[in-house]
Amino acid sequence: MNLRPLGDRVVIKKLEAEEKTQSGIVLPSSAKEQPQMAEVLAVGAEIKNDEIKVGDKVIFSKYAGTEVKLDDEELTILKLDEVLAIVE
């Protein structure tokens, strides 16, 4: 199933958080920080092509967006102004 965001919204999929510390200690899922980096899966029609596009890796606000589960996949829908930076 495809998800098409409306207006100035984007659909992202969070990238996995690190499971180990630098010293090699494995972290349980409850101790991991929520990732703030994600890959853009879809963009709304009001977003200009040069602003952000599908496939971009972005950093977003910590508590931004609405989380949805679609076809056993956890996605987040957020407004463009909640995206802080594009990782190049």
PDB file of N, CA and C in Angstrom:
ATOM      1  N   MET A   1       0.846  -1.179   0.000  1.00  0.00           N
ATOM      2  CA  MET A   1       0.000   0.000   0.000  1.00  0.00           C
ATOM      3  C   MET A   1       0.894   1.246   0.000  1.00  0.00           C
ATOM      4  N   ASN A   2       0.572   2.215  -0.822  1.00  0.00           N
ATOM      5  CA  ASN A   2       1.318   3.464  -0.891  1.00  0.00           C
ATOM      6  C   ASN A   2       0.668   4.512  -0.014  1.00  0.00           C
ATOM      7  N   LEU A   3       1.481   5.413   0.483  1.00  0.00           N
ATOM      8  CA  LEU A   3       1.012   6.497   1.332  1.00  0.00           C
ATOM      9  C   LEU A   3       1.400   7.805   0.657  1.00  0.00           C
ATOM     10  N   ARG A   4       0.411   8.633   0.323  1.00  0.00           N
ATOM     11  CA  ARG A   4       0.671   9.906  -0.358  1.00  0.00           C
ATOM     12  C   ARG A   4       0.343  11.039   0.610  1.00  0.00           C
ATOM     13  N   PRO A   5       1.361  11.746   1.108  1.00  0.00           N
ATOM     14  CA  PRO A   5       1.107  12.827   2.061  1.00  0.00           C
ATOM     15  C   PRO A   5       0.435  14.016   1.378  1.00  0.00           C
ATOM     16  N   LEU A   6      -0.369  14.730   2.130  1.00  0.00           N
ATOM     17  CA  LEU A   6      -1.082  15.895   1.621  1.00  0.00           C
ATOM     18  C   LEU A   6      -0.327  17.171   1.974  1.00  0.00           C
ATOM     19  N   GLY A   7      -0.517  18.196   1.164  1.00  0.00           N
ATOM     20  CA  GLY A   7       0.031  19.517   1.455  1.00  0.00           C
ATOM     21  C   GLY A   7       1.542  19.531   1.572  1.00  0.00           C
ATOM     22  N   ASP A   8       2.022  20.089   2.699  1.00  0.00           N
ATOM     23  CA  ASP A   8       3.464  20.248   2.911  1.00  0.00           C
ATOM     24  C   ASP A   8       4.012  19.193   3.870  1.00  0.00           C
ATOM     25  N   ARG A   9       3.479  17.991   3.780  1.00  0.00           N
ATOM     26  CA  ARG A   9       3.916  16.915   4.673  1.00  0.00           C
ATOM     27  C   ARG A   9       4.827  15.932   3.931  1.00  0.00           C
ATOM     28  N   VAL A  10       5.653  15.236   4.716  1.00  0.00           N
ATOM     29  CA  VAL A  10       6.527  14.199   4.179  1.00  0.00           C
ATOM     30  C   VAL A  10       6.339  12.922   4.981  1.00  0.00           C
ATOM     31  N   VAL A  11       6.547  11.789   4.333  1.00  0.00           N
ATOM     32  CA  VAL A  11       6.514  10.491   5.002  1.00  0.00           C
ATOM     33  C   VAL A  11       7.952  10.023   5.118  1.00  0.00           C
ATOM     34  N   ILE A  12       8.351   9.642   6.342  1.00  0.00           N
ATOM     35  CA  ILE A  12       9.721   9.199   6.573  1.00  0.00           C
ATOM     36  C   ILE A  12       9.734   7.848   7.262  1.00  0.00           C
ATOM     37  N   LYS A  13      10.852   7.166   7.122  1.00  0.00           N
ATOM     38  CA  LYS A  13      11.089   5.926   7.848  1.00  0.00           C
ATOM     39  C   LYS A  13      12.360   6.139   8.656  1.00  0.00           C
ATOM     40  N   LYS A  14      12.226   6.025   9.979  1.00  0.00           N
ATOM     41  CA  LYS A  14      13.366   6.253  10.855  1.00  0.00           C
ATOM     42  C   LYS A  14      14.437   5.204  10.612  1.00  0.00           C
ATOM     43  N   LEU A  15      15.683   5.657  10.662  1.00  0.00           N
ATOM     44  CA  LEU A  15      16.818   4.753  10.549  1.00  0.00           C
ATOM     45  C   LEU A  15      17.067   4.149  11.921  1.00  0.00           C
ATOM     46  N   GLU A  16      17.554   2.930  11.954  1.00  0.00           N
ATOM     47  CA  GLU A  16      17.748   2.208  13.214  1.00  0.00           C
ATOM     48  C   GLU A  16      18.785   2.886  14.092  1.00  0.00           C
ATOM     49  N   ALA A  17      18.527   2.856  15.414  1.00  0.00           N
ATOM     50  CA  ALA A  17      19.479   3.388  16.391  1.00  0.00           C
ATOM     51  C   ALA A  17      20.585   2.374  16.620  1.00  0.00           C
ATOM     52  N   GLU A  18      21.710   2.849  17.086  1.00  0.00           N
ATOM     53  CA  GLU A  18      22.835   1.970  17.387  1.00  0.00           C
ATOM     54  C   GLU A  18      22.457   0.987  18.482  1.00  0.00           C
ATOM     55  N   GLU A  19      22.868  -0.247  18.328  1.00  0.00           N
ATOM     56  CA  GLU A  19      22.585  -1.264  19.327  1.00  0.00           C
ATOM     57  C   GLU A  19      23.760  -1.497  20.257  1.00  0.00           C
ATOM     58  N   LYS A  20      24.905  -0.903  19.942  1.00  0.00           N
ATOM     59  CA  LYS A  20      26.093  -1.044  20.779  1.00  0.00           C
ATOM     60  C   LYS A  20      26.676   0.326  21.083  1.00  0.00           C
ATOM     61  N   THR A  21      27.298   0.429  22.260  1.00  0.00           N
ATOM     62  CA  THR A  21      28.030   1.645  22.576  1.00  0.00           C
ATOM     63  C   THR A  21      29.396   1.563  21.907  1.00  0.00           C
ATOM     64  N   GLN A  22      30.177   2.629  21.970  1.00  0.00           N
ATOM     65  CA  GLN A  22      31.508   2.626  21.362  1.00  0.00           C
ATOM     66  C   GLN A  22      32.414   1.598  22.024  1.00  0.00           C
ATOM     67  N   SER A  23      32.169   1.311  23.304  1.00  0.00           N
ATOM     68  CA  SER A  23      32.996   0.326  24.007  1.00  0.00           C
ATOM     69  C   SER A  23      32.518  -1.105  23.786  1.00  0.00           C
ATOM     70  N   GLY A  24      31.434  -1.292  23.018  1.00  0.00           N
ATOM     71  CA  GLY A  24      30.981  -2.633  22.667  1.00  0.00           C
ATOM     72  C   GLY A  24      29.867  -3.184  23.522  1.00  0.00           C
ATOM     73  N   ILE A  25      29.291  -2.385  24.424  1.00  0.00           N
ATOM     74  CA  ILE A  25      28.190  -2.852  25.277  1.00  0.00           C
ATOM     75  C   ILE A  25      26.907  -2.857  24.448  1.00  0.00           C
ATOM     76  N   VAL A  26      26.197  -3.984  24.446  1.00  0.00           N
ATOM     77  CA  VAL A  26      24.944  -4.106  23.708  1.00  0.00           C
ATOM     78  C   VAL A  26      23.822  -3.479  24.524  1.00  0.00           C
ATOM     79  N   LEU A  27      23.044  -2.595  23.889  1.00  0.00           N
ATOM     80  CA  LEU A  27      21.962  -1.904  24.571  1.00  0.00           C
ATOM     81  C   LEU A  27      20.624  -2.600  24.330  1.00  0.00           C
ATOM     82  N   PRO A  28      19.796  -2.754  25.373  1.00  0.00           N
ATOM     83  CA  PRO A  28      18.441  -3.258  25.144  1.00  0.00           C
ATOM     84  C   PRO A  28      17.610  -2.187  24.447  1.00  0.00           C
ATOM     85  N   SER A  29      16.525  -2.582  23.798  1.00  0.00           N
ATOM     86  CA  SER A  29      15.727  -1.625  23.021  1.00  0.00           C
ATOM     87  C   SER A  29      15.172  -0.496  23.885  1.00  0.00           C
ATOM     88  N   SER A  30      14.917  -0.747  25.168  1.00  0.00           N
ATOM     89  CA  SER A  30      14.386   0.299  26.039  1.00  0.00           C
ATOM     90  C   SER A  30      15.429   1.369  26.356  1.00  0.00           C
ATOM     91  N   ALA A  31      16.711   1.054  26.236  1.00  0.00           N
ATOM     92  CA  ALA A  31      17.778   2.000  26.562  1.00  0.00           C
ATOM     93  C   ALA A  31      18.254   2.790  25.355  1.00  0.00           C
ATOM     94  N   LYS A  32      17.856   2.376  24.153  1.00  0.00           N
ATOM     95  CA  LYS A  32      18.303   3.060  22.941  1.00  0.00           C
ATOM     96  C   LYS A  32      17.585   4.399  22.797  1.00  0.00           C
ATOM     97  N   GLU A  33      18.330   5.387  22.319  1.00  0.00           N
ATOM     98  CA  GLU A  33      17.719   6.668  22.014  1.00  0.00           C
ATOM     99  C   GLU A  33      16.906   6.544  20.738  1.00  0.00           C
ATOM    100  N   GLN A  34      15.791   7.263  20.684  1.00  0.00           N
ATOM    101  CA  GLN A  34      14.995   7.269  19.453  1.00  0.00           C
ATOM    102  C   GLN A  34      15.802   7.961  18.362  1.00  0.00           C
ATOM    103  N   PRO A  35      15.867   7.373  17.182  1.00  0.00           N
ATOM    104  CA  PRO A  35      16.641   8.008  16.107  1.00  0.00           C
ATOM    105  C   PRO A  35      15.975   9.294  15.642  1.00  0.00           C
ATOM    106  N   GLN A  36      16.791  10.263  15.252  1.00  0.00           N
ATOM    107  CA  GLN A  36      16.280  11.503  14.697  1.00  0.00           C
ATOM    108  C   GLN A  36      16.689  11.640  13.246  1.00  0.00           C
ATOM    109  N   MET A  37      17.205  10.555  12.674  1.00  0.00           N
ATOM    110  CA  MET A  37      17.584  10.550  11.270  1.00  0.00           C
ATOM    111  C   MET A  37      16.673   9.570  10.551  1.00  0.00           C
ATOM    112  N   ALA A  38      16.253   9.950   9.350  1.00  0.00           N
ATOM    113  CA  ALA A  38      15.298   9.113   8.613  1.00  0.00           C
ATOM    114  C   ALA A  38      15.507   9.275   7.117  1.00  0.00           C
ATOM    115  N   GLU A  39      14.863   8.370   6.381  1.00  0.00           N
ATOM    116  CA  GLU A  39      14.864   8.443   4.925  1.00  0.00           C
ATOM    117  C   GLU A  39      13.482   8.885   4.466  1.00  0.00           C
ATOM    118  N   VAL A  40      13.432   9.810   3.526  1.00  0.00           N
ATOM    119  CA  VAL A  40      12.168  10.322   2.995  1.00  0.00           C
ATOM    120  C   VAL A  40      11.603   9.308   2.012  1.00  0.00           C
ATOM    121  N   LEU A  41      10.345   8.893   2.242  1.00  0.00           N
ATOM    122  CA  LEU A  41       9.681   7.931   1.369  1.00  0.00           C
ATOM    123  C   LEU A  41       8.692   8.579   0.409  1.00  0.00           C
ATOM    124  N   ALA A  42       8.101   9.722   0.818  1.00  0.00           N
ATOM    125  CA  ALA A  42       7.130  10.419  -0.029  1.00  0.00           C
ATOM    126  C   ALA A  42       7.050  11.877   0.390  1.00  0.00           C
ATOM    127  N   VAL A  43       6.716  12.749  -0.553  1.00  0.00           N
ATOM    128  CA  VAL A  43       6.563  14.177  -0.260  1.00  0.00           C
ATOM    129  C   VAL A  43       5.219  14.668  -0.786  1.00  0.00           C
ATOM    130  N   GLY A  44       4.642  15.656  -0.100  1.00  0.00           N
ATOM    131  CA  GLY A  44       3.364  16.226  -0.497  1.00  0.00           C
ATOM    132  C   GLY A  44       3.490  17.116  -1.728  1.00  0.00           C
ATOM    133  N   ALA A  45       2.358  17.385  -2.352  1.00  0.00           N
ATOM    134  CA  ALA A  45       2.327  18.144  -3.607  1.00  0.00           C
ATOM    135  C   ALA A  45       2.750  19.596  -3.447  1.00  0.00           C
ATOM    136  N   GLU A  46       2.608  20.173  -2.259  1.00  0.00           N
ATOM    137  CA  GLU A  46       2.959  21.582  -2.056  1.00  0.00           C
ATOM    138  C   GLU A  46       4.454  21.806  -1.859  1.00  0.00           C
ATOM    139  N   ILE A  47       5.230  20.736  -1.781  1.00  0.00           N
ATOM    140  CA  ILE A  47       6.667  20.865  -1.568  1.00  0.00           C
ATOM    141  C   ILE A  47       7.357  20.991  -2.922  1.00  0.00           C
ATOM    142  N   LYS A  48       8.178  22.029  -3.057  1.00  0.00           N
ATOM    143  CA  LYS A  48       8.903  22.259  -4.302  1.00  0.00           C
ATOM    144  C   LYS A  48       9.967  21.185  -4.478  1.00  0.00           C
ATOM    145  N   ASN A  49      10.241  20.839  -5.720  1.00  0.00           N
ATOM    146  CA  ASN A  49      11.192  19.766  -6.038  1.00  0.00           C
ATOM    147  C   ASN A  49      12.586  19.988  -5.476  1.00  0.00           C
ATOM    148  N   ASP A  50      13.025  21.248  -5.357  1.00  0.00           N
ATOM    149  CA  ASP A  50      14.383  21.497  -4.891  1.00  0.00           C
ATOM    150  C   ASP A  50      14.513  21.526  -3.371  1.00  0.00           C
ATOM    151  N   GLU A  51      13.384  21.486  -2.635  1.00  0.00           N
ATOM    152  CA  GLU A  51      13.447  21.537  -1.170  1.00  0.00           C
ATOM    153  C   GLU A  51      13.870  20.202  -0.578  1.00  0.00           C
ATOM    154  N   ILE A  52      13.138  19.171  -0.904  1.00  0.00           N
ATOM    155  CA  ILE A  52      13.377  17.841  -0.340  1.00  0.00           C
ATOM    156  C   ILE A  52      12.783  16.828  -1.307  1.00  0.00           C
ATOM    157  N   LYS A  53      13.424  15.675  -1.439  1.00  0.00           N
ATOM    158  CA  LYS A  53      12.905  14.686  -2.390  1.00  0.00           C
ATOM    159  C   LYS A  53      13.003  13.281  -1.800  1.00  0.00           C
ATOM    160  N   VAL A  54      12.299  12.363  -2.421  1.00  0.00           N
ATOM    161  CA  VAL A  54      12.297  10.967  -1.992  1.00  0.00           C
ATOM    162  C   VAL A  54      13.732  10.435  -2.041  1.00  0.00           C
ATOM    163  N   GLY A  55      14.113   9.737  -0.995  1.00  0.00           N
ATOM    164  CA  GLY A  55      15.451   9.169  -0.912  1.00  0.00           C
ATOM    165  C   GLY A  55      16.413   9.993  -0.081  1.00  0.00           C
ATOM    166  N   ASP A  56      16.076  11.263   0.184  1.00  0.00           N
ATOM    167  CA  ASP A  56      16.943  12.097   1.019  1.00  0.00           C
ATOM    168  C   ASP A  56      17.000  11.536   2.438  1.00  0.00           C
ATOM    169  N   LYS A  57      18.154  11.682   3.063  1.00  0.00           N
ATOM    170  CA  LYS A  57      18.296  11.362   4.480  1.00  0.00           C
ATOM    171  C   LYS A  57      18.173  12.680   5.233  1.00  0.00           C
ATOM    172  N   VAL A  58      17.311  12.724   6.235  1.00  0.00           N
ATOM    173  CA  VAL A  58      17.028  13.972   6.932  1.00  0.00           C
ATOM    174  C   VAL A  58      17.154  13.803   8.444  1.00  0.00           C
ATOM    175  N   ILE A  59      17.338  14.927   9.109  1.00  0.00           N
ATOM    176  CA  ILE A  59      17.290  14.996  10.562  1.00  0.00           C
ATOM    177  C   ILE A  59      16.043  15.803  10.892  1.00  0.00           C
ATOM    178  N   PHE A  60      15.263  15.323  11.868  1.00  0.00           N
ATOM    179  CA  PHE A  60      14.001  15.971  12.192  1.00  0.00           C
ATOM    180  C   PHE A  60      13.898  16.223  13.688  1.00  0.00           C
ATOM    181  N   SER A  61      12.954  17.063  14.088  1.00  0.00           N
ATOM    182  CA  SER A  61      12.739  17.389  15.495  1.00  0.00           C
ATOM    183  C   SER A  61      12.421  16.136  16.297  1.00  0.00           C
ATOM    184  N   LYS A  62      12.875  16.099  17.537  1.00  0.00           N
ATOM    185  CA  LYS A  62      12.800  14.907  18.370  1.00  0.00           C
ATOM    186  C   LYS A  62      11.372  14.362  18.547  1.00  0.00           C
ATOM    187  N   TYR A  63      10.420  15.221  18.821  1.00  0.00           N
ATOM    188  CA  TYR A  63       9.054  14.763  19.078  1.00  0.00           C
ATOM    189  C   TYR A  63       8.101  15.139  17.948  1.00  0.00           C
ATOM    190  N   ALA A  64       8.613  15.225  16.747  1.00  0.00           N
ATOM    191  CA  ALA A  64       7.836  15.679  15.597  1.00  0.00           C
ATOM    192  C   ALA A  64       7.011  14.556  14.983  1.00  0.00           C
ATOM    193  N   GLY A  65       5.944  14.948  14.323  1.00  0.00           N
ATOM    194  CA  GLY A  65       5.191  14.040  13.468  1.00  0.00           C
ATOM    195  C   GLY A  65       4.209  13.123  14.158  1.00  0.00           C
ATOM    196  N   THR A  66       3.558  12.343  13.328  1.00  0.00           N
ATOM    197  CA  THR A  66       2.583  11.342  13.753  1.00  0.00           C
ATOM    198  C   THR A  66       3.061   9.994  13.273  1.00  0.00           C
ATOM    199  N   GLU A  67       3.207   9.070  14.205  1.00  0.00           N
ATOM    200  CA  GLU A  67       3.675   7.735  13.845  1.00  0.00           C
ATOM    201  C   GLU A  67       2.494   6.873  13.413  1.00  0.00           C
ATOM    202  N   VAL A  68       2.682   6.134  12.322  1.00  0.00           N
ATOM    203  CA  VAL A  68       1.659   5.224  11.810  1.00  0.00           C
ATOM    204  C   VAL A  68       2.315   3.886  11.485  1.00  0.00           C
ATOM    205  N   LYS A  69       1.526   2.831  11.562  1.00  0.00           N
ATOM    206  CA  LYS A  69       2.018   1.511  11.183  1.00  0.00           C
ATOM    207  C   LYS A  69       1.223   1.063   9.968  1.00  0.00           C
ATOM    208  N   LEU A  70       1.946   0.765   8.884  1.00  0.00           N
ATOM    209  CA  LEU A  70       1.309   0.417   7.626  1.00  0.00           C
ATOM    210  C   LEU A  70       2.029  -0.795   7.052  1.00  0.00           C
ATOM    211  N   ASP A  71       1.312  -1.879   6.845  1.00  0.00           N
ATOM    212  CA  ASP A  71       1.900  -3.126   6.329  1.00  0.00           C
ATOM    213  C   ASP A  71       3.107  -3.560   7.169  1.00  0.00           C
ATOM    214  N   ASP A  72       2.938  -3.556   8.490  1.00  0.00           N
ATOM    215  CA  ASP A  72       3.990  -3.962   9.440  1.00  0.00           C
ATOM    216  C   ASP A  72       5.243  -3.094   9.350  1.00  0.00           C
ATOM    217  N   GLU A  73       5.102  -1.889   8.862  1.00  0.00           N
ATOM    218  CA  GLU A  73       6.218  -0.963   8.756  1.00  0.00           C
ATOM    219  C   GLU A  73       5.855   0.305   9.529  1.00  0.00           C
ATOM    220  N   GLU A  74       6.764   0.754  10.402  1.00  0.00           N
ATOM    221  CA  GLU A  74       6.508   1.957  11.183  1.00  0.00           C
ATOM    222  C   GLU A  74       7.015   3.176  10.429  1.00  0.00           C
ATOM    223  N   LEU A  75       6.099   4.092  10.138  1.00  0.00           N
ATOM    224  CA  LEU A  75       6.407   5.305   9.389  1.00  0.00           C
ATOM    225  C   LEU A  75       6.010   6.515  10.216  1.00  0.00           C
ATOM    226  N   THR A  76       6.532   7.672   9.839  1.00  0.00           N
ATOM    227  CA  THR A  76       6.177   8.922  10.495  1.00  0.00           C
ATOM    228  C   THR A  76       5.784   9.931   9.431  1.00  0.00           C
ATOM    229  N   ILE A  77       4.694  10.648   9.682  1.00  0.00           N
ATOM    230  CA  ILE A  77       4.252  11.725   8.792  1.00  0.00           C
ATOM    231  C   ILE A  77       4.495  13.028   9.533  1.00  0.00           C
ATOM    232  N   LEU A  78       5.231  13.933   8.895  1.00  0.00           N
ATOM    233  CA  LEU A  78       5.490  15.207   9.559  1.00  0.00           C
ATOM    234  C   LEU A  78       5.466  16.346   8.564  1.00  0.00           C
ATOM    235  N   LYS A  79       5.325  17.560   9.102  1.00  0.00           N
ATOM    236  CA  LYS A  79       5.324  18.746   8.257  1.00  0.00           C
ATOM    237  C   LYS A  79       6.746  19.077   7.837  1.00  0.00           C
ATOM    238  N   LEU A  80       6.869  19.722   6.705  1.00  0.00           N
ATOM    239  CA  LEU A  80       8.177  20.090   6.181  1.00  0.00           C
ATOM    240  C   LEU A  80       8.977  20.923   7.173  1.00  0.00           C
ATOM    241  N   ASP A  81       8.311  21.816   7.921  1.00  0.00           N
ATOM    242  CA  ASP A  81       9.058  22.669   8.852  1.00  0.00           C
ATOM    243  C   ASP A  81       9.587  21.912  10.076  1.00  0.00           C
ATOM    244  N   GLU A  82       9.202  20.645  10.243  1.00  0.00           N
ATOM    245  CA  GLU A  82       9.754  19.825  11.317  1.00  0.00           C
ATOM    246  C   GLU A  82      11.040  19.111  10.879  1.00  0.00           C
ATOM    247  N   VAL A  83      11.341  19.187   9.590  1.00  0.00           N
ATOM    248  CA  VAL A  83      12.614  18.651   9.075  1.00  0.00           C
ATOM    249  C   VAL A  83      13.662  19.739   9.294  1.00  0.00           C
ATOM    250  N   LEU A  84      14.732  19.381  10.002  1.00  0.00           N
ATOM    251  CA  LEU A  84      15.744  20.368  10.376  1.00  0.00           C
ATOM    252  C   LEU A  84      16.878  20.475   9.378  1.00  0.00           C
ATOM    253  N   ALA A  85      17.248  19.341   8.758  1.00  0.00           N
ATOM    254  CA  ALA A  85      18.390  19.351   7.839  1.00  0.00           C
ATOM    255  C   ALA A  85      18.346  18.146   6.924  1.00  0.00           C
ATOM    256  N   ILE A  86      19.013  18.278   5.781  1.00  0.00           N
ATOM    257  CA  ILE A  86      19.215  17.156   4.859  1.00  0.00           C
ATOM    258  C   ILE A  86      20.663  16.737   5.009  1.00  0.00           C
ATOM    259  N   VAL A  87      20.888  15.439   5.188  1.00  0.00           N
ATOM    260  CA  VAL A  87      22.240  14.903   5.346  1.00  0.00           C
ATOM    261  C   VAL A  87      22.802  14.631   3.958  1.00  0.00           C
ATOM    262  N   GLU A  88      23.944  15.230   3.653  1.00  0.00           N
ATOM    263  CA  GLU A  88      24.559  15.034   2.333  1.00  0.00           C
ATOM    264  C   GLU A  88      25.819  14.227   2.424  1.00  0.00           C
TER     265      GLU A  88
END
